[in-house]
Amino acid sequence: MKASWNGAVIARSDKTIVVEGNHYFPPDSINSEYFMPSDFTSHCPWKGQAQYYSVVVDGKINQAAAWCYPETLDAAKEIENYIAFWRGVDVEAS
């Protein structure tokens, strides 16, 4: 799988985990130069507190377009620190 936005591949992995229709990418599959911490957070009752990142490519910013659960609840341990995408980030087979 690969995740891309604004012409750049921001993540690529053959070891994503699909949860609720979202591909979660392992932390080592992320091109970190495209990520900037965001103040946005959310809470899932069975996964825990999500931390968000904005995606930055060629000076364009996609606010809070990626998220992860740094400390998951027990039911979601398999995706702890894995990153998923939304807000126009294309996730497709590579």
Protein backbone atom coordinates (compact mmCIF):
# COMPACT_ATOMS: atom_id res chain seq x y z
CA MET A 1 0.00 0.00 0.00
CA LYS A 2 1.06 3.58 -0.50
CA ALA A 3 -0.23 6.89 0.76
CA SER A 4 0.30 9.98 -1.35
CA TRP A 5 -0.68 13.61 -1.32
CA ASN A 6 0.15 16.58 -3.57
CA GLY A 7 2.32 14.37 -5.81
CA ALA A 8 4.50 12.88 -3.04
CA VAL A 9 4.50 9.37 -1.61
CA ILE A 10 4.29 9.98 2.13
CA ALA A 11 4.11 6.32 3.24
CA ARG A 12 4.60 2.88 1.69
CA SER A 13 4.26 -0.57 3.24
CA ASP A 14 3.15 -4.13 2.56
CA LYS A 15 2.37 -4.52 6.27
CA THR A 16 -0.55 -2.16 6.84
CA ILE A 17 -3.31 -3.16 9.24
CA VAL A 18 -6.90 -2.39 8.21
CA VAL A 19 -9.19 -1.19 11.00
CA GLU A 20 -12.63 0.26 10.31
CA GLY A 21 -11.74 0.63 6.62
CA ASN A 22 -8.52 2.59 7.25
CA HIS A 23 -5.05 1.30 6.40
CA TYR A 24 -2.71 1.90 9.34
CA PHE A 25 0.92 2.14 8.24
CA PRO A 26 3.82 1.01 10.46
CA PRO A 27 5.85 3.93 11.86
CA ASP A 28 8.97 2.94 9.90
CA SER A 29 7.07 3.18 6.58
CA ILE A 30 6.42 6.93 6.91
CA ASN A 31 8.47 9.56 5.08
CA SER A 32 8.84 11.73 8.17
CA GLU A 33 10.01 14.83 6.28
CA TYR A 34 6.38 15.33 5.19
CA PHE A 35 4.90 15.29 8.71
CA MET A 36 4.39 18.10 11.20
CA PRO A 37 2.75 17.69 14.63
CA SER A 38 -0.78 19.06 14.94
CA ASP A 39 -2.62 20.26 18.05
CA PHE A 40 -5.73 18.37 16.93
CA THR A 41 -6.74 15.31 18.99
CA SER A 42 -9.72 12.99 19.17
CA HIS A 43 -10.84 10.11 21.34
CA CYS A 44 -12.09 6.67 20.33
CA PRO A 45 -13.82 4.62 23.03
CA TRP A 46 -12.00 1.42 22.10
CA LYS A 47 -8.70 2.71 20.59
CA GLY A 48 -7.91 5.63 22.90
CA GLN A 49 -6.59 9.16 22.35
CA ALA A 50 -5.47 9.96 18.80
CA GLN A 51 -2.62 12.31 17.99
CA TYR A 52 -2.70 14.07 14.60
CA TYR A 53 -0.11 15.27 12.12
CA SER A 54 -0.38 17.74 9.28
CA VAL A 55 1.10 16.65 5.95
CA VAL A 56 3.36 19.22 4.27
CA VAL A 57 4.45 18.83 0.63
CA ASP A 58 6.03 21.58 -1.47
CA GLY A 59 4.90 24.24 0.98
CA LYS A 60 1.26 23.12 0.95
CA ILE A 61 -0.24 21.98 4.26
CA ASN A 62 -2.99 19.39 4.71
CA GLN A 63 -4.05 20.09 8.31
CA ALA A 64 -4.42 17.06 10.61
CA ALA A 65 -4.45 14.64 7.65
CA ALA A 66 -2.75 11.80 9.52
CA TRP A 67 -3.37 10.27 12.92
CA CYS A 68 -2.05 7.62 15.25
CA TYR A 69 -2.68 6.23 18.70
CA PRO A 70 0.60 6.53 20.67
CA GLU A 71 -0.87 4.68 23.66
CA THR A 72 -3.79 2.51 22.62
CA LEU A 73 -6.32 0.84 24.81
CA ASP A 74 -5.92 -2.95 25.05
CA ALA A 75 -8.35 -3.72 22.21
CA ALA A 76 -6.23 -1.77 19.68
CA LYS A 77 -2.66 -2.73 20.68
CA GLU A 78 -1.91 -4.03 17.16
CA ILE A 79 -2.12 -0.47 15.73
CA GLU A 80 -0.25 1.36 18.49
CA ASN A 81 1.93 4.04 16.83
CA TYR A 82 0.69 3.06 13.35
CA ILE A 83 -0.43 5.97 11.14
CA ALA A 84 -3.66 6.34 9.12
CA PHE A 85 -4.80 9.06 6.72
CA TRP A 86 -7.81 11.06 5.57
CA ARG A 87 -8.60 14.54 4.18
CA GLY A 88 -7.61 13.85 0.59
CA VAL A 89 -4.60 11.62 1.16
CA ASP A 90 -4.81 8.83 -1.44
CA VAL A 91 -4.26 5.35 -0.04
CA GLU A 92 -4.00 2.64 -2.68
CA ALA A 93 -2.19 -0.53 -3.65
CA SER A 94 1.32 0.25 -4.84
